Protein backbone atom coordinates (compact mmCIF):
# COMPACT_ATOMS: atom_id res chain seq x y z
CA MET A 1 25.75 -26.80 -34.06
CA MET A 2 28.15 -24.11 -32.98
CA ALA A 3 27.57 -21.90 -29.92
CA LYS A 4 26.99 -18.83 -32.20
CA GLU A 5 24.19 -20.66 -34.03
CA ILE A 6 22.49 -21.70 -30.78
CA LEU A 7 22.65 -18.04 -29.57
CA LYS A 8 21.01 -16.88 -32.73
CA LEU A 9 18.14 -19.54 -32.15
CA VAL A 10 17.73 -18.40 -28.50
CA ASP A 11 17.65 -14.76 -29.61
CA GLU A 12 14.92 -15.55 -32.18
CA LEU A 13 12.95 -17.63 -29.88
CA GLY A 14 13.13 -15.05 -27.13
CA THR A 15 12.01 -12.27 -29.39
CA ARG A 16 9.03 -14.42 -30.46
CA LEU A 17 8.12 -15.32 -26.96
CA GLN A 18 8.43 -11.73 -25.67
CA ASP A 19 6.28 -10.42 -28.79
CA ALA A 20 3.57 -12.94 -27.85
CA GLY A 21 3.76 -12.24 -24.15
CA TRP A 22 4.57 -15.88 -23.57
CA MET A 23 6.92 -17.57 -21.06
CA CYS A 24 8.77 -20.63 -21.85
CA ALA A 25 9.74 -23.49 -19.52
CA CYS A 26 11.60 -26.74 -20.01
CA ALA A 27 12.06 -30.14 -18.59
CA GLU A 28 15.30 -32.11 -19.32
CA SER A 29 16.69 -35.47 -18.86
CA CYS A 30 19.55 -36.36 -21.25
CA THR A 31 20.52 -32.77 -21.80
CA GLY A 32 20.88 -32.26 -18.10
CA GLY A 33 20.31 -28.45 -17.91
CA LEU A 34 21.95 -27.51 -21.27
CA LEU A 35 18.68 -26.45 -22.76
CA ALA A 36 17.88 -24.18 -19.76
CA ALA A 37 21.47 -22.81 -19.86
CA ALA A 38 21.15 -21.98 -23.61
CA LEU A 39 17.69 -20.24 -22.92
CA THR A 40 19.27 -18.11 -20.16
CA THR A 41 22.38 -17.08 -22.03
CA LEU A 42 21.14 -13.80 -23.25
CA PRO A 43 20.46 -10.82 -21.00
CA GLY A 44 16.80 -10.24 -20.50
CA SER A 45 15.81 -13.91 -20.78
CA SER A 46 13.84 -13.48 -17.48
CA HIS A 47 11.25 -11.69 -19.52
CA TRP A 48 10.27 -14.90 -21.38
CA PHE A 49 11.91 -17.84 -19.59
CA ASP A 50 10.11 -19.01 -16.45
CA ARG A 51 11.85 -22.16 -15.19
CA GLY A 52 13.58 -25.36 -16.00
CA PHE A 53 13.61 -28.94 -14.48
CA VAL A 54 16.26 -31.49 -14.81
CA THR A 55 14.62 -34.68 -14.01
CA TYR A 56 17.12 -37.35 -14.74
CA SER A 57 15.56 -40.20 -12.80
CA ASN A 58 12.14 -41.70 -13.36
CA ALA A 59 11.19 -40.75 -9.65
CA ALA A 60 11.90 -37.08 -10.47
CA LYS A 61 9.85 -37.25 -13.56
CA VAL A 62 6.86 -38.58 -11.58
CA GLN A 63 7.42 -36.37 -8.52
CA HIS A 64 8.06 -32.98 -10.24
CA LEU A 65 6.38 -33.32 -13.73
CA ARG A 66 3.52 -35.77 -12.94
CA VAL A 67 4.65 -38.24 -15.46
CA SER A 68 2.57 -41.42 -15.07
CA LEU A 69 4.31 -44.57 -13.74
CA ASP A 70 2.16 -46.40 -16.31
CA THR A 71 3.68 -44.46 -19.12
CA LEU A 72 7.20 -45.05 -17.84
CA GLU A 73 6.41 -48.85 -17.47
CA ARG A 74 4.76 -49.15 -20.84
CA PHE A 75 6.92 -46.95 -23.04
CA GLY A 76 10.10 -46.29 -21.04
CA ALA A 77 11.79 -43.05 -20.03
CA VAL A 78 13.04 -42.58 -23.49
CA SER A 79 9.81 -42.32 -25.50
CA GLU A 80 7.66 -39.60 -27.18
CA GLU A 81 4.94 -40.58 -24.57
CA THR A 82 7.11 -39.61 -21.67
CA ALA A 83 8.55 -36.59 -23.37
CA MET A 84 4.98 -35.31 -24.06
CA GLU A 85 4.03 -35.95 -20.43
CA MET A 86 7.13 -34.18 -19.29
CA ALA A 87 6.27 -31.07 -21.32
CA SER A 88 2.67 -30.97 -20.32
CA GLY A 89 3.65 -31.59 -16.78
CA VAL A 90 5.86 -28.49 -16.90
CA LEU A 91 2.77 -26.40 -17.96
CA THR A 92 0.69 -27.94 -15.11
CA VAL A 93 3.12 -27.04 -12.41
CA ALA A 94 4.37 -23.81 -14.01
CA GLY A 95 1.14 -21.74 -14.20
CA ASP A 96 2.73 -18.84 -15.97
CA ALA A 97 4.36 -20.68 -18.83
CA HIS A 98 2.69 -20.91 -22.16
CA LEU A 99 5.25 -23.08 -24.03
CA ALA A 100 7.17 -26.11 -22.63
CA ILE A 101 10.05 -28.09 -24.26
CA SER A 102 11.31 -31.51 -22.86
CA THR A 103 14.09 -33.81 -23.78
CA THR A 104 14.68 -37.47 -22.86
CA GLY A 105 17.13 -39.73 -24.59
CA ILE A 106 20.26 -41.82 -24.74
CA ALA A 107 23.27 -39.62 -25.10
CA GLY A 108 25.72 -42.53 -24.80
CA PRO A 109 28.15 -43.92 -24.95
CA GLY A 110 26.26 -46.75 -23.26
CA GLY A 111 22.59 -47.18 -22.46
CA ALA A 112 21.25 -48.44 -25.82
CA THR A 113 18.49 -50.99 -25.82
CA PRO A 114 16.74 -52.87 -28.58
CA GLY A 115 14.94 -50.19 -30.69
CA LYS A 116 16.53 -47.39 -28.68
CA PRO A 117 20.02 -46.75 -29.96
CA VAL A 118 22.69 -44.47 -28.64
CA GLY A 119 21.77 -40.90 -29.98
CA MET A 120 18.07 -41.35 -29.79
CA VAL A 121 16.36 -38.33 -28.35
CA CYS A 122 12.60 -37.85 -27.73
CA PHE A 123 11.17 -34.31 -27.52
CA GLY A 124 7.99 -33.08 -26.23
CA PHE A 125 6.41 -29.70 -26.88
CA ALA A 126 3.47 -28.48 -24.96
CA GLN A 127 1.50 -25.25 -25.53
CA ARG A 128 -1.16 -23.82 -23.51
CA VAL A 129 -4.36 -22.91 -25.38
CA GLU A 130 -7.90 -21.93 -24.39
CA GLN A 131 -9.12 -25.55 -24.35
CA GLY A 132 -6.16 -26.65 -22.10
CA ILE A 133 -2.81 -28.06 -23.04
CA VAL A 134 -1.83 -29.29 -26.44
CA THR A 135 1.20 -31.65 -26.82
CA ARG A 136 3.28 -33.22 -29.57
CA GLY A 137 6.26 -35.43 -29.59
CA VAL A 138 9.03 -36.14 -32.04
CA THR A 139 12.05 -38.41 -32.03
CA ARG A 140 15.47 -37.83 -33.59
CA ILE A 141 18.57 -39.94 -33.72
CA PHE A 142 21.81 -37.88 -33.56
CA GLU A 143 25.31 -38.93 -34.50
CA GLY A 144 28.39 -38.27 -32.46
CA ASP A 145 29.72 -38.65 -28.97
CA ARG A 146 27.79 -37.74 -25.79
CA ALA A 147 28.56 -34.08 -25.96
CA GLU A 148 27.60 -33.81 -29.58
CA VAL A 149 24.38 -35.68 -29.07
CA ARG A 150 23.41 -33.34 -26.22
CA ASP A 151 24.38 -30.21 -28.17
CA ALA A 152 22.41 -31.39 -31.26
CA ALA A 153 19.44 -32.08 -29.05
CA VAL A 154 19.56 -28.57 -27.67
CA ALA A 155 19.72 -27.16 -31.14
CA PHE A 156 16.89 -29.31 -32.38
CA ALA A 157 14.70 -28.38 -29.40
CA LEU A 158 15.29 -24.70 -29.98
CA GLN A 159 14.68 -24.92 -33.73
CA SER A 160 11.42 -26.88 -33.13
CA ALA A 161 10.30 -24.48 -30.45
CA LEU A 162 10.82 -21.57 -32.94
CA GLN A 163 8.79 -23.39 -35.49
CA GLN A 164 6.13 -23.93 -33.19
CA MET A 165 6.04 -20.20 -32.35
CA VAL A 166 5.77 -19.45 -36.09
CA GLN A 167 2.91 -22.02 -36.71
CA GLY A 168 1.11 -21.35 -33.43
């Protein structure tokens, strides 16, 4: 997805977040800060973007986002379970955020394992509601080189967050 299209998604998401009075936060592994960079591209993003975490190692996921060691051992870092715990962890540690987005995956060119090919990215989305935190996870496999996989993951994360704002 082209930079212009990502900017359009960020603008739409930012407008929705601001209209709702919500703050957004993110936790990234395979995208390495690209999602936070996209979310802060436009002036005024401080009105709706709270913070971002780059937790590339498992230790960082546990320490900063409270991802369970059991989850990492049972499902691996690249899993919807881990992505959902990353997203809910962001809302737990970032008390002002209402919506959290997380990414964890295999951008390549190496790193594939059986059942987890290069291009596989798991996303977590967490939303603060009256009853607590609701999470959902989704997995996509993107084609292309490392940069293309990471860019596609950022675009998908933004599109999905925007859809969540429309549905939520």
